[in-house]
Amino acid sequence: MHMFRKILIANRGEIALRIIRACREMGIRSVIAHSEADRDSLPVQMADERICIGPGASGKSYLNIPNIISAAFISNAEAIHPGYGFLSENISFAQICKDVGITFIGPSAEVMSVMGDKVSARNAMREAGLPTLPGTSVVHTLVEAQEAAAKIGFPLMLKAVAGGGGRGIRLINNPDEFDRTFTVAQNEVREAFRDDGIYFERYLAKARHIEIQILVDNYGNGVHLWERNCSCQRRNQKVIEESPSPILPREVVQEMGERAIHAARQVGYRNAGTMEFLVDEQNRYYFMEMNTRLQVEHPVTEYITSLDLVRLQLLIASGEPLHLRQEDIVTHGHAIECRITAEDADKGFRPQTGTIEKYLPPGGPGVRVDSHLYAGYDIPPHYDSLLSKLIVWAETREEAIARMQRALEEYVIEGVTTTIPFHQRLLKHEGFVSGDTYTRFIQEEAHSLGIQP
């Protein structure tokens, strides 16, 4: 196999820039497929070639499969990197790429169809030996839902089969609120994902969200890159991620990693992926779902392992065998990532748009900024509110928290309200400092974190 000469990037923002940088270091030409709204963005300016694929609305651009495939043909790109979000977990897109002879940088459509559907993923992982929470099969009607919920009991979690990005998830505490919550959630997911399938899972109080990063080449050689703790969430969207987990024993993580990579091999998984688990207060873990793509928080793992995940994705997709054994994956120190968004935490995290008037990212030892911002950049209103990922590394967690505080103090983004002040409060909170966070921690501590409803 030969390394790709040219790759099309079907994404925008910081992740597009991250892929362009990896391509440049590897001597690969990058083509960016972009919307009209992103014409002046940094990735569009930095890519070797650029092709406009439609207007600002993502349905007409970043989700427009015919236009993206056409852009790949016009530019003679041999492969497409989908980044995260948009088409990164779209089974039809992965299949079409294969049908027209373009390499999709990710798993096959067949594996994606098993692992992308949360119910079939749970079943497949259970068969491969991973523990799962008690749950139901897919339901489509209120009557089916009521019968299924009765078997599990309350409280329970309602989840959309096709959900993602925190949408289509609801906690239902008692039968009184069941009918209304089910109907509202089903309408929401039908609108967002064109699939109204819902299932239920037992609710774990004070659950921690731990994920295991895996890599598998085209020959079935695979390694896990240990864990990330993603328990600080708001509306099921991660806010801070860190590695290693501050309170999970190393031997538990090792067992999770070994079982995760074994299960991924069992289903024929290829490329980078993440197995997500819920862990209870007794450190019992349960498989929740799999992300069949690169994660937003991948830099945390890159810092503690000194590996370049995007580079490894490209090598695997080109047919290179993975020259890594599990014993080669040695972690060092502690890494934390803050997702900085254009939202006002003092006003219920209301999304913000505007022009970046002044921009000065932090620097110094152990500080990394993944961002597409620059002074004068207009934030388009069509997309996700992520502005920047601030990642720090230090020898210990205590030092990493201090370094993150220092970096946040240095970070200047003027022109729009950002979540930097919220992150500063969160990092000082005794619950975060002690490492005792769980998925509803931010929600339950909203008052002490200064979050206005």
Foldseek 3Di string as FASTA:
>chain_A
DDFWQEEEELDDWLQLVLLQVLCVVVNHAYEYEAAPLCCPFQSNVRGPHYHHQYHDFCVRGSQPLVSSVVVCVVVVGQEYEHGDPRCLLPLVSQVVCVVVRHQYLFWHSVLSVQQQQQQSVQVLLVVLPFAAFDKDFWDQDPVVQVVRQVVQDPFKWKAARNDDQLALIDTDGDPVCPPVVLVVSQVVCCVVPVGSIMMMGHDAPLWWKKKWKKAAFQVGAIEILWIKTQFCDDSPHGFKIKPDQPPADPVLRVVVRVSVSSSCSVSSTHAIKMFMWIAHPVRDIHTRGIGRHDDPPCVNSCQFQVDSRSNSSSCRSVRHHDPDDHVSRGGAFMKMKGFKFLFDQLAQRHHKWWFFQQWDFFDDPFKDKRARDDHGDTDDPNDGGGGIMIMGTDRYPVVNLVVVLVRLVRTDTPTTDMCSLLVNLVSPDPCVVSSSGGNCRCVVCVVSSNGDD
